[in-house]
N, C-alpha and C. Protein backbone atom coordinates (compact mmCIF):
# COMPACT_ATOMS: atom_id res chain seq x y z
N MET A 1 84.58 95.74 82.84
CA MET A 1 85.45 95.18 83.85
C MET A 1 84.59 94.70 85.00
N GLY A 2 85.08 93.67 85.60
CA GLY A 2 84.36 93.22 86.77
C GLY A 2 84.38 94.32 87.83
N THR A 3 83.52 94.19 88.80
CA THR A 3 83.51 95.17 89.87
C THR A 3 84.54 94.74 90.90
N TYR A 4 85.57 95.53 91.03
CA TYR A 4 86.65 95.23 91.96
C TYR A 4 86.71 96.33 93.02
N SER A 5 86.80 95.91 94.28
CA SER A 5 86.93 96.87 95.38
C SER A 5 88.33 97.47 95.35
N ILE A 6 88.52 98.54 96.11
CA ILE A 6 89.84 99.15 96.21
C ILE A 6 90.84 98.14 96.76
N GLN A 7 90.44 97.37 97.76
CA GLN A 7 91.34 96.37 98.34
C GLN A 7 91.72 95.32 97.29
N GLN A 8 90.75 94.86 96.49
CA GLN A 8 91.04 93.89 95.44
C GLN A 8 92.00 94.49 94.41
N ARG A 9 91.80 95.76 94.08
CA ARG A 9 92.67 96.43 93.12
C ARG A 9 94.10 96.55 93.65
N LYS A 10 94.25 96.78 94.94
CA LYS A 10 95.58 96.85 95.54
C LYS A 10 96.28 95.50 95.45
N VAL A 11 95.53 94.44 95.64
CA VAL A 11 96.09 93.10 95.50
C VAL A 11 96.49 92.86 94.04
N MET A 12 95.64 93.30 93.12
CA MET A 12 95.93 93.15 91.69
C MET A 12 97.18 93.94 91.31
N LEU A 13 97.39 95.09 91.93
CA LEU A 13 98.55 95.92 91.66
C LEU A 13 99.83 95.23 92.13
N ALA A 14 99.74 94.48 93.21
CA ALA A 14 100.92 93.83 93.79
C ALA A 14 101.36 92.59 93.01
N LYS A 15 100.51 92.10 92.11
CA LYS A 15 100.86 90.90 91.34
C LYS A 15 101.94 91.22 90.31
N ASN A 16 102.61 90.17 89.85
CA ASN A 16 103.62 90.33 88.80
C ASN A 16 103.27 89.40 87.65
N PRO A 17 102.76 89.92 86.54
CA PRO A 17 102.64 91.34 86.23
C PRO A 17 101.40 91.93 86.91
N PRO A 18 101.42 93.23 87.14
CA PRO A 18 100.25 93.89 87.74
C PRO A 18 99.02 93.71 86.87
N GLU A 19 97.86 93.66 87.49
CA GLU A 19 96.61 93.49 86.77
C GLU A 19 95.76 94.76 86.78
N VAL A 20 96.35 95.86 87.22
CA VAL A 20 95.64 97.13 87.30
C VAL A 20 96.68 98.23 87.09
N MET A 21 96.25 99.37 86.57
CA MET A 21 97.17 100.49 86.36
C MET A 21 97.64 101.03 87.72
N PRO A 22 98.79 101.71 87.77
CA PRO A 22 99.31 102.22 89.05
C PRO A 22 98.32 103.09 89.83
N ASP A 23 97.40 103.76 89.14
CA ASP A 23 96.41 104.59 89.84
C ASP A 23 95.18 103.78 90.24
N LEU A 24 95.27 102.45 90.10
CA LEU A 24 94.22 101.49 90.45
C LEU A 24 93.04 101.50 89.46
N SER A 25 93.20 102.16 88.33
CA SER A 25 92.13 102.15 87.32
C SER A 25 92.35 100.99 86.36
N ASN A 26 91.34 100.70 85.58
CA ASN A 26 91.37 99.67 84.54
C ASN A 26 91.88 98.32 85.02
N PRO A 27 91.20 97.71 86.01
CA PRO A 27 91.62 96.38 86.44
C PRO A 27 91.32 95.35 85.35
N ILE A 28 92.32 94.56 84.99
CA ILE A 28 92.13 93.54 83.96
C ILE A 28 92.77 92.27 84.47
N GLY A 29 91.95 91.43 85.07
CA GLY A 29 92.44 90.18 85.63
C GLY A 29 92.18 88.97 84.76
N ASN A 30 91.32 89.12 83.75
CA ASN A 30 91.00 87.98 82.89
C ASN A 30 90.54 88.48 81.51
N LYS A 31 90.28 87.55 80.61
CA LYS A 31 89.93 87.92 79.24
C LYS A 31 88.63 88.71 79.16
N GLN A 32 87.65 88.39 80.00
CA GLN A 32 86.41 89.16 80.00
C GLN A 32 86.66 90.61 80.39
N ASP A 33 87.58 90.83 81.31
CA ASP A 33 87.92 92.19 81.71
C ASP A 33 88.50 93.00 80.55
N VAL A 34 89.20 92.33 79.62
CA VAL A 34 89.72 93.03 78.44
C VAL A 34 88.55 93.58 77.63
N SER A 35 87.56 92.73 77.37
CA SER A 35 86.38 93.18 76.62
C SER A 35 85.66 94.31 77.34
N ASP A 36 85.54 94.18 78.65
CA ASP A 36 84.88 95.22 79.44
C ASP A 36 85.67 96.53 79.39
N ALA A 37 86.99 96.44 79.45
CA ALA A 37 87.84 97.64 79.40
C ALA A 37 87.70 98.34 78.05
N VAL A 38 87.61 97.57 76.98
CA VAL A 38 87.41 98.17 75.65
C VAL A 38 86.07 98.88 75.62
N SER A 39 85.04 98.26 76.20
CA SER A 39 83.70 98.85 76.19
C SER A 39 83.63 100.18 76.95
N THR A 40 84.44 100.31 77.99
CA THR A 40 84.41 101.53 78.81
C THR A 40 85.59 102.44 78.52
N PHE A 41 86.33 102.15 77.47
CA PHE A 41 87.53 102.91 77.13
C PHE A 41 87.28 104.41 77.06
N GLY A 42 86.16 104.83 76.49
CA GLY A 42 85.85 106.25 76.32
C GLY A 42 85.74 107.03 77.61
N LEU A 43 85.59 106.35 78.73
CA LEU A 43 85.45 107.01 80.03
C LEU A 43 86.80 107.41 80.63
N ASN A 44 87.88 106.89 80.07
CA ASN A 44 89.21 107.17 80.61
C ASN A 44 89.62 108.61 80.36
N LYS A 45 90.26 109.23 81.36
CA LYS A 45 90.77 110.59 81.21
C LYS A 45 92.04 110.60 80.37
N ASN A 46 92.92 109.64 80.60
CA ASN A 46 94.18 109.55 79.86
C ASN A 46 94.05 108.38 78.88
N LYS A 47 93.44 108.67 77.75
CA LYS A 47 93.15 107.62 76.78
C LYS A 47 94.39 106.93 76.23
N PRO A 48 95.47 107.66 75.89
CA PRO A 48 96.66 106.95 75.39
C PRO A 48 97.22 105.95 76.40
N ALA A 49 97.29 106.34 77.67
CA ALA A 49 97.81 105.42 78.69
C ALA A 49 96.87 104.24 78.89
N ALA A 50 95.57 104.51 78.91
CA ALA A 50 94.59 103.43 79.08
C ALA A 50 94.64 102.46 77.91
N LYS A 51 94.74 102.99 76.69
CA LYS A 51 94.79 102.13 75.51
C LYS A 51 96.04 101.25 75.55
N ALA A 52 97.18 101.83 75.88
CA ALA A 52 98.42 101.06 75.97
C ALA A 52 98.30 99.97 77.03
N TRP A 53 97.67 100.31 78.14
CA TRP A 53 97.48 99.35 79.23
C TRP A 53 96.58 98.20 78.78
N ILE A 54 95.47 98.52 78.16
CA ILE A 54 94.52 97.49 77.72
C ILE A 54 95.19 96.56 76.71
N ILE A 55 95.95 97.14 75.79
CA ILE A 55 96.66 96.33 74.79
C ILE A 55 97.68 95.42 75.48
N LYS A 56 98.43 95.98 76.41
CA LYS A 56 99.46 95.21 77.12
C LYS A 56 98.83 94.03 77.85
N ARG A 57 97.75 94.29 78.58
CA ARG A 57 97.09 93.20 79.32
C ARG A 57 96.47 92.18 78.37
N ALA A 58 95.90 92.65 77.26
CA ALA A 58 95.31 91.73 76.29
C ALA A 58 96.39 90.78 75.77
N LYS A 59 97.56 91.31 75.48
CA LYS A 59 98.67 90.48 75.00
C LYS A 59 99.11 89.50 76.07
N GLN A 60 99.19 89.94 77.32
CA GLN A 60 99.62 89.06 78.40
C GLN A 60 98.62 87.92 78.61
N LEU A 61 97.35 88.21 78.36
CA LEU A 61 96.30 87.21 78.57
C LEU A 61 95.96 86.42 77.31
N GLY A 62 96.60 86.77 76.19
CA GLY A 62 96.26 86.10 74.93
C GLY A 62 94.87 86.46 74.46
N ALA A 63 94.44 87.69 74.75
CA ALA A 63 93.08 88.12 74.42
C ALA A 63 93.08 89.25 73.40
N GLU A 64 94.05 89.25 72.49
CA GLU A 64 94.13 90.30 71.48
C GLU A 64 92.88 90.35 70.61
N ASP A 65 92.20 89.22 70.48
CA ASP A 65 90.98 89.18 69.67
C ASP A 65 89.84 90.00 70.28
N ALA A 66 89.97 90.39 71.54
CA ALA A 66 88.96 91.23 72.18
C ALA A 66 89.16 92.72 71.88
N LEU A 67 90.28 93.04 71.24
CA LEU A 67 90.59 94.44 70.93
C LEU A 67 89.95 94.83 69.60
N PRO A 68 89.55 96.10 69.48
CA PRO A 68 88.96 96.55 68.21
C PRO A 68 89.98 96.48 67.07
N ASP A 69 89.53 96.15 65.88
CA ASP A 69 90.42 96.12 64.72
C ASP A 69 91.08 97.47 64.49
N SER A 70 90.36 98.54 64.81
CA SER A 70 90.89 99.89 64.59
C SER A 70 92.14 100.19 65.43
N TRP A 71 92.39 99.38 66.47
CA TRP A 71 93.58 99.58 67.30
C TRP A 71 94.81 98.96 66.66
N GLY A 72 94.63 98.18 65.61
CA GLY A 72 95.74 97.65 64.83
C GLY A 72 96.60 96.61 65.53
N VAL A 73 96.02 95.87 66.47
CA VAL A 73 96.77 94.84 67.17
C VAL A 73 96.39 93.48 66.60
N LYS A 74 97.38 92.76 66.16
CA LYS A 74 97.13 91.44 65.59
C LYS A 74 97.35 90.38 66.67
N PRO A 75 96.46 89.41 66.73
CA PRO A 75 96.64 88.34 67.72
C PRO A 75 97.96 87.60 67.50
N ALA A 76 98.63 87.28 68.60
CA ALA A 76 99.88 86.52 68.52
C ALA A 76 99.55 85.06 68.25
N THR A 77 100.42 84.40 67.54
CA THR A 77 100.23 82.97 67.35
C THR A 77 100.62 82.28 68.64
N LYS A 78 100.02 81.17 68.91
CA LYS A 78 100.28 80.47 70.15
C LYS A 78 101.73 80.03 70.27
N THR A 79 102.38 79.75 69.17
CA THR A 79 103.77 79.31 69.23
C THR A 79 104.74 80.49 69.37
N ALA A 80 104.26 81.69 69.10
CA ALA A 80 105.16 82.84 69.12
C ALA A 80 104.97 83.71 70.35
N VAL A 81 104.20 83.26 71.32
CA VAL A 81 103.98 84.07 72.51
C VAL A 81 105.28 84.17 73.28
N LYS A 82 105.64 85.40 73.64
CA LYS A 82 106.90 85.65 74.32
C LYS A 82 106.63 86.55 75.52
N HIS A 83 107.17 86.21 76.64
CA HIS A 83 107.01 87.03 77.83
C HIS A 83 108.31 87.78 78.08
N GLU A 84 108.18 89.09 78.17
CA GLU A 84 109.35 89.91 78.43
C GLU A 84 109.15 90.68 79.72
N ILE A 85 110.22 90.86 80.43
CA ILE A 85 110.17 91.67 81.64
C ILE A 85 110.95 92.94 81.36
N ASP A 86 110.27 94.06 81.45
CA ASP A 86 110.93 95.35 81.30
C ASP A 86 111.46 95.73 82.67
N VAL A 87 112.76 95.70 82.83
CA VAL A 87 113.38 95.91 84.13
C VAL A 87 113.02 97.28 84.70
N GLU A 88 113.01 98.30 83.85
CA GLU A 88 112.67 99.64 84.34
C GLU A 88 111.24 99.69 84.84
N ASP A 89 110.30 99.06 84.12
CA ASP A 89 108.91 99.00 84.58
C ASP A 89 108.83 98.27 85.91
N TYR A 90 109.58 97.18 86.02
CA TYR A 90 109.56 96.40 87.25
C TYR A 90 110.07 97.22 88.43
N ILE A 91 111.14 97.97 88.22
CA ILE A 91 111.71 98.80 89.29
C ILE A 91 110.73 99.91 89.67
N ARG A 92 110.11 100.55 88.65
CA ARG A 92 109.12 101.60 88.95
C ARG A 92 107.95 101.02 89.74
N HIS A 93 107.49 99.84 89.33
CA HIS A 93 106.37 99.20 90.02
C HIS A 93 106.75 98.87 91.46
N ALA A 94 107.96 98.32 91.67
CA ALA A 94 108.40 97.96 93.01
C ALA A 94 108.50 99.21 93.89
N SER A 95 109.02 100.29 93.33
CA SER A 95 109.14 101.54 94.08
C SER A 95 107.76 102.09 94.44
N PHE A 96 106.86 102.05 93.46
CA PHE A 96 105.49 102.52 93.69
C PHE A 96 104.83 101.71 94.81
N MET A 97 104.99 100.38 94.76
CA MET A 97 104.39 99.52 95.77
C MET A 97 104.99 99.80 97.15
N GLN A 98 106.28 100.03 97.21
CA GLN A 98 106.93 100.32 98.48
C GLN A 98 106.35 101.61 99.07
N ASN A 99 106.15 102.63 98.22
CA ASN A 99 105.56 103.88 98.69
C ASN A 99 104.13 103.67 99.17
N LYS A 100 103.35 102.86 98.43
CA LYS A 100 101.96 102.61 98.82
C LYS A 100 101.89 101.88 100.17
N VAL A 101 102.76 100.90 100.36
CA VAL A 101 102.80 100.17 101.62
C VAL A 101 103.14 101.12 102.76
N SER A 102 104.09 102.02 102.52
CA SER A 102 104.46 103.02 103.56
C SER A 102 103.28 103.91 103.87
N GLU A 103 102.57 104.36 102.83
CA GLU A 103 101.40 105.23 103.04
C GLU A 103 100.34 104.51 103.87
N ILE A 104 100.07 103.26 103.52
CA ILE A 104 99.05 102.49 104.23
C ILE A 104 99.49 102.26 105.68
N SER A 105 100.75 101.94 105.87
CA SER A 105 101.28 101.70 107.21
C SER A 105 101.23 102.96 108.07
N ASN A 106 101.41 104.11 107.44
CA ASN A 106 101.38 105.38 108.16
C ASN A 106 99.99 105.98 108.27
N GLY A 107 98.98 105.26 107.75
CA GLY A 107 97.60 105.72 107.85
C GLY A 107 97.25 106.84 106.92
N GLU A 108 97.98 107.00 105.82
CA GLU A 108 97.71 108.08 104.87
C GLU A 108 96.60 107.68 103.92
């Protein structure tokens, strides 16, 4: 993954879709970041969550080919790419961001 500062990661978190996990780990803003995330995957404490995140971002970026074959993810065809918004994920993300903004505003 590219080297991203905490401030850059906060900006990435505020994007829709977010480009970083809620704990600000595993920033994936582009296809190269997918490859980098796969390379450093073993360093993650919560491997199932990190793997799901990397796969999700790879699909969003059309970078499934950067994922290991052992992960069992097949690249989407260009004509079949579909973007879905999970309303519950969106609400959780919005709530999380609201809390983070409050924390930052309160100097926490």
